[in-house]
């Protein structure tokens, strides 16, 4: 979660199982890392990266099959979560999410992901019974846009807006990253809002360079109790982007 001097906890998406031993992780290292019904061998993961924090993995299970102390989820592998005990003895639940792409029934729009995002919201709503009284940080690859639709589409803007509105209604505030928490795009498409503070977190294709990226697909949400104590930054400058098509997001809890 922290970028100084080295992250204590990693919230990963499309993660493949590492070959080296881990401090701890959910899912555990001895089970498959896979999204239910998906051909690729990867999933959402919460992983301990140092011995400075203790993590209690929270098990997930397919909706209807869950047992005691397991979170029912619509699509196992899209959500991973753990309760983190930080040095001041405060407990925080961190949630890594991945809104998987889906195909429309009529194949008119090849892929969309907001339905997956809404399933995730429905699943994690079990962690909250009011707008207050919880300590959650939710971060991940949502595969949607903030403040605009595909190619400037008003229809898709409204659909994407509902994801942010539902999170707010549950008591999870949008925490970024937003400028100045990251480098702005050199040139935004004309359909971006004039007051857009989005920072690129995704570059298309293997040949695209970070400097040419303009879309933000990765977002962080937090309970009101934590919101003002978070510093969220997209590590999206060319010299800090990293090897993935998504840049890393640093989340510091002050």
Protein backbone atom coordinates (compact mmCIF):
# COMPACT_ATOMS: atom_id res chain seq x y z
CA UNK A 1 0.00 0.00 0.00
CA UNK A 2 2.84 2.40 0.66
CA UNK A 3 5.49 3.49 -1.82
CA UNK A 4 8.04 4.49 0.86
CA UNK A 5 10.41 2.79 1.15
CA UNK A 6 8.73 -0.32 -0.25
CA UNK A 7 5.07 -1.35 -0.37
CA UNK A 8 3.77 -3.31 2.59
CA UNK A 9 0.76 -4.73 0.75
CA UNK A 10 0.03 -5.20 -2.95
CA UNK A 11 -3.45 -5.12 -4.48
CA UNK A 12 -3.00 -6.88 -7.80
CA UNK A 13 -5.21 -7.66 -10.79
CA UNK A 14 -4.60 -10.17 -13.58
CA UNK A 15 -1.94 -11.59 -11.29
CA UNK A 16 -0.20 -14.87 -12.08
CA UNK A 17 1.13 -17.09 -9.33
CA UNK A 18 4.76 -16.24 -8.42
CA UNK A 19 7.49 -18.82 -8.17
CA UNK A 20 9.07 -17.36 -5.02
CA UNK A 21 7.69 -17.78 -1.48
CA UNK A 22 5.31 -15.09 -0.23
CA UNK A 23 4.84 -13.51 3.19
CA UNK A 24 1.14 -14.23 2.72
CA UNK A 25 -1.47 -13.87 0.01
CA UNK A 26 -5.12 -14.34 -0.80
CA UNK A 27 -5.69 -16.53 -2.65
CA UNK A 28 -3.03 -18.68 -1.06
CA UNK A 29 0.00 -19.85 -3.00
CA UNK A 30 -1.16 -23.49 -2.93
CA UNK A 31 -4.45 -22.98 -4.82
CA UNK A 32 -5.13 -22.02 -8.47
CA UNK A 33 -5.07 -18.29 -9.29
CA UNK A 34 -7.93 -18.15 -11.76
CA UNK A 35 -11.16 -16.28 -12.45
CA UNK A 36 -14.14 -18.61 -12.53
CA UNK A 37 -15.19 -19.37 -16.10
CA UNK A 38 -12.28 -17.50 -17.67
CA UNK A 39 -9.60 -19.12 -19.79
CA UNK A 40 -6.63 -17.08 -18.55
CA UNK A 41 -4.66 -18.23 -15.49
CA UNK A 42 -4.81 -15.03 -13.43
CA UNK A 43 -6.99 -13.34 -10.83
CA UNK A 44 -7.25 -10.53 -8.30
CA UNK A 45 -4.83 -10.91 -5.39
CA UNK A 46 -3.93 -9.24 -2.11
CA UNK A 47 -0.35 -10.01 -1.18
CA UNK A 48 1.94 -9.20 1.73
CA UNK A 49 5.16 -7.58 0.52
CA UNK A 50 6.89 -6.95 3.86
CA UNK A 51 6.83 -8.11 7.46
CA UNK A 52 5.75 -4.67 8.73
CA UNK A 53 2.05 -5.44 8.48
CA UNK A 54 0.02 -8.49 9.33
CA UNK A 55 -2.72 -9.64 6.99
CA UNK A 56 -5.69 -11.87 7.68
CA UNK A 57 -6.95 -13.16 4.33
CA UNK A 58 -10.73 -13.17 3.95
CA UNK A 59 -11.91 -16.17 1.97
CA UNK A 60 -14.30 -15.80 -0.95
CA UNK A 61 -16.62 -18.43 -2.37
CA UNK A 62 -19.08 -18.62 -5.24
CA UNK A 63 -22.44 -17.08 -4.38
CA UNK A 64 -24.65 -19.70 -2.73
CA UNK A 65 -21.76 -22.03 -1.88
CA UNK A 66 -20.17 -19.89 0.81
CA UNK A 67 -19.60 -21.14 4.32
CA UNK A 68 -19.01 -19.37 7.61
CA UNK A 69 -16.55 -16.44 7.42
CA UNK A 70 -16.49 -16.57 3.61
CA UNK A 71 -17.58 -13.65 1.43
CA UNK A 72 -20.02 -14.73 -1.29
CA UNK A 73 -18.96 -13.39 -4.68
CA UNK A 74 -20.62 -13.50 -8.08
CA UNK A 75 -17.45 -14.45 -9.92
CA UNK A 76 -14.60 -15.89 -7.85
CA UNK A 77 -11.25 -14.49 -8.82
CA UNK A 78 -12.49 -10.95 -9.51
CA UNK A 79 -12.30 -9.99 -5.82
CA UNK A 80 -9.58 -10.60 -3.22
CA UNK A 81 -9.56 -9.07 0.24
CA UNK A 82 -7.78 -9.14 3.55
CA UNK A 83 -7.93 -7.42 6.92
CA UNK A 84 -4.69 -5.56 7.52
CA UNK A 85 -3.34 -4.76 11.00
CA UNK A 86 -1.20 -1.65 10.56
CA UNK A 87 1.42 -0.49 13.10
CA UNK A 88 -0.96 1.82 15.05
CA UNK A 89 -3.12 -1.27 15.75
CA UNK A 90 -5.86 -0.04 13.43
CA UNK A 91 -7.52 -2.66 11.22
CA UNK A 92 -8.30 -1.87 7.60
CA UNK A 93 -9.93 -4.16 5.03
CA UNK A 94 -8.26 -3.85 1.62
CA UNK A 95 -10.02 -5.11 -1.50
CA UNK A 96 -8.49 -5.78 -4.90
CA UNK A 97 -11.01 -5.88 -7.75
CA UNK A 98 -11.00 -6.58 -11.47
CA UNK A 99 -14.01 -5.75 -13.65
CA UNK A 100 -13.74 -8.43 -16.26
CA UNK A 101 -14.73 -7.77 -19.87
CA UNK A 102 -17.94 -9.47 -20.98
CA UNK A 103 -19.64 -9.99 -24.35
CA UNK A 104 -23.10 -8.61 -25.04
CA UNK A 105 -25.91 -11.06 -25.74
CA UNK A 106 -26.52 -9.66 -29.23
CA UNK A 107 -22.83 -9.11 -30.00
CA UNK A 108 -23.62 -5.54 -31.12
CA UNK A 109 -21.09 -4.10 -28.68
CA UNK A 110 -18.28 -6.67 -28.47
CA UNK A 111 -17.21 -6.03 -24.88
CA UNK A 112 -18.27 -4.08 -21.82
CA UNK A 113 -17.34 -4.23 -18.13
CA UNK A 114 -19.71 -2.03 -16.12
CA UNK A 115 -21.95 -5.02 -15.37
CA UNK A 116 -18.97 -6.79 -13.85
CA UNK A 117 -18.25 -3.64 -11.83
CA UNK A 118 -21.80 -3.64 -10.48
CA UNK A 119 -21.54 -7.31 -9.50
CA UNK A 120 -18.39 -6.44 -7.57
CA UNK A 121 -20.18 -3.58 -5.82
CA UNK A 122 -23.05 -5.89 -4.89
CA UNK A 123 -20.59 -8.43 -3.50
CA UNK A 124 -18.57 -6.01 -1.36
CA UNK A 125 -21.73 -4.36 -0.04
CA UNK A 126 -21.80 -7.27 2.43
CA UNK A 127 -18.89 -5.55 4.19
CA UNK A 128 -20.99 -2.44 4.93
CA UNK A 129 -24.27 -2.05 6.78
CA UNK A 130 -24.28 1.75 6.84
CA UNK A 131 -22.45 4.70 5.29
CA UNK A 132 -20.17 4.76 8.35
CA UNK A 133 -18.53 2.35 10.74
CA UNK A 134 -16.21 0.61 8.28
CA UNK A 135 -12.55 0.95 7.24
CA UNK A 136 -12.27 -0.13 3.62
CA UNK A 137 -9.91 0.64 0.76
CA UNK A 138 -11.04 -0.73 -2.61
CA UNK A 139 -8.65 -0.50 -5.55
CA UNK A 140 -8.43 -2.10 -8.93
CA UNK A 141 -8.81 -2.22 -12.66
CA UNK A 142 -12.44 -1.26 -13.32
CA UNK A 143 -12.17 -1.10 -17.13
CA UNK A 144 -14.52 1.88 -17.24
CA UNK A 145 -14.02 5.61 -17.75
CA UNK A 146 -14.56 8.45 -15.29
CA UNK A 147 -16.40 11.52 -16.53
CA UNK A 148 -16.83 10.45 -20.16
CA UNK A 149 -17.98 7.58 -22.34
CA UNK A 150 -16.30 5.66 -25.11
CA UNK A 151 -15.50 8.09 -27.91
CA UNK A 152 -17.57 10.75 -26.14
CA UNK A 153 -20.73 8.61 -25.93
CA UNK A 154 -23.30 10.14 -23.57
CA UNK A 155 -24.95 6.74 -23.16
CA UNK A 156 -21.81 5.05 -21.90
CA UNK A 157 -20.88 8.04 -19.74
CA UNK A 158 -24.17 7.68 -17.86
CA UNK A 159 -23.64 3.93 -17.44
CA UNK A 160 -20.13 4.45 -16.09
CA UNK A 161 -21.29 7.23 -13.77
CA UNK A 162 -23.60 4.76 -12.01
CA UNK A 163 -20.58 2.80 -10.77
CA UNK A 164 -19.15 5.85 -8.99
CA UNK A 165 -22.60 6.81 -7.70
CA UNK A 166 -23.24 3.36 -6.21
CA UNK A 167 -19.88 3.34 -4.46
CA UNK A 168 -20.64 6.78 -2.99
CA UNK A 169 -24.08 5.61 -1.84
CA UNK A 170 -22.49 2.73 0.07
CA UNK A 171 -20.12 5.10 1.86
CA UNK A 172 -17.05 4.59 -0.33
CA UNK A 173 -15.66 7.87 -1.63
CA UNK A 174 -13.73 8.18 -4.87
CA UNK A 175 -10.12 8.74 -3.78
CA UNK A 176 -8.38 8.97 -7.14
CA UNK A 177 -5.82 8.96 -8.46
CA UNK A 178 -6.57 12.42 -9.85
CA UNK A 179 -4.21 15.22 -10.83
CA UNK A 180 -1.87 16.26 -9.23
CA UNK A 181 -1.67 12.64 -8.07
CA UNK A 182 0.04 11.57 -11.26
CA UNK A 183 1.21 12.94 -14.58
CA UNK A 184 -1.44 14.30 -16.93
CA UNK A 185 -1.71 13.16 -20.53
CA UNK A 186 0.19 15.23 -23.08
CA UNK A 187 -2.96 15.54 -25.16
CA UNK A 188 -6.47 14.51 -24.13
CA UNK A 189 -9.14 13.54 -26.68
CA UNK A 190 -11.57 16.36 -27.48
CA UNK A 191 -14.44 14.57 -25.72
CA UNK A 192 -12.71 14.73 -22.32
CA UNK A 193 -14.40 17.17 -19.88
CA UNK A 194 -12.68 20.56 -19.78
CA UNK A 195 -12.14 20.21 -16.01
CA UNK A 196 -10.91 16.60 -16.31
CA UNK A 197 -8.38 15.66 -13.65
CA UNK A 198 -7.93 12.07 -14.80
CA UNK A 199 -4.41 10.72 -15.06
CA UNK A 200 -3.55 7.95 -17.54
CA UNK A 201 -3.19 4.50 -15.99
CA UNK A 202 -3.46 2.35 -19.11
CA UNK A 203 -1.54 2.25 -22.38
CA UNK A 204 -2.97 0.25 -25.25
CA UNK A 205 -0.94 -2.48 -26.89
CA UNK A 206 2.63 -3.54 -26.37
CA UNK A 207 4.09 -0.87 -28.63
CA UNK A 208 2.36 2.12 -27.05
CA UNK A 209 4.54 4.17 -24.74
CA UNK A 210 3.43 5.69 -21.42
CA UNK A 211 3.78 9.19 -22.89
CA UNK A 212 1.03 8.38 -25.41
CA UNK A 213 -1.45 7.05 -22.84
CA UNK A 214 -4.56 9.07 -22.00
CA UNK A 215 -7.17 6.71 -20.50
CA UNK A 216 -7.65 6.03 -16.80
CA UNK A 217 -9.13 2.63 -15.98
CA UNK A 218 -7.83 2.21 -12.42
CA UNK A 219 -9.59 3.81 -9.46
CA UNK A 220 -9.40 3.80 -5.66
CA UNK A 221 -12.31 4.17 -3.23
CA UNK A 222 -12.20 4.49 0.55
CA UNK A 223 -14.43 4.74 3.59
CA UNK A 224 -15.00 8.25 4.89
CA UNK A 225 -12.97 7.39 8.00
CA UNK A 226 -9.88 6.88 5.81
CA UNK A 227 -10.53 9.22 2.89
CA UNK A 228 -8.78 12.33 4.24
CA UNK A 229 -5.78 10.25 5.33
CA UNK A 230 -5.09 8.73 1.93
CA UNK A 231 -2.54 9.90 -0.59
CA UNK A 232 -3.19 8.23 -3.92
CA UNK A 233 -0.82 8.65 -6.85
CA UNK A 234 -0.54 7.09 -10.29
CA UNK A 235 3.08 6.14 -10.96
CA UNK A 236 2.56 6.90 -14.63
CA UNK A 237 5.57 8.96 -15.70
CA UNK A 238 7.63 7.17 -18.39
CA UNK A 239 10.47 6.45 -15.94
CA UNK A 240 8.19 4.95 -13.29
CA UNK A 241 5.45 3.18 -15.26
CA UNK A 242 6.79 -0.37 -15.00
CA UNK A 243 6.43 -3.41 -17.31
CA UNK A 244 2.61 -3.71 -17.37
CA UNK A 245 0.11 -2.05 -19.69
CA UNK A 246 -1.32 -0.56 -16.49
CA UNK A 247 0.82 1.70 -14.33
CA UNK A 248 1.14 1.13 -10.60
CA UNK A 249 -0.97 3.06 -8.10
CA UNK A 250 0.67 4.09 -4.81
CA UNK A 251 -1.74 4.29 -1.85
CA UNK A 252 -0.32 5.79 1.33
CA UNK A 253 -2.39 5.75 4.51
CA UNK A 254 -1.19 8.62 6.68
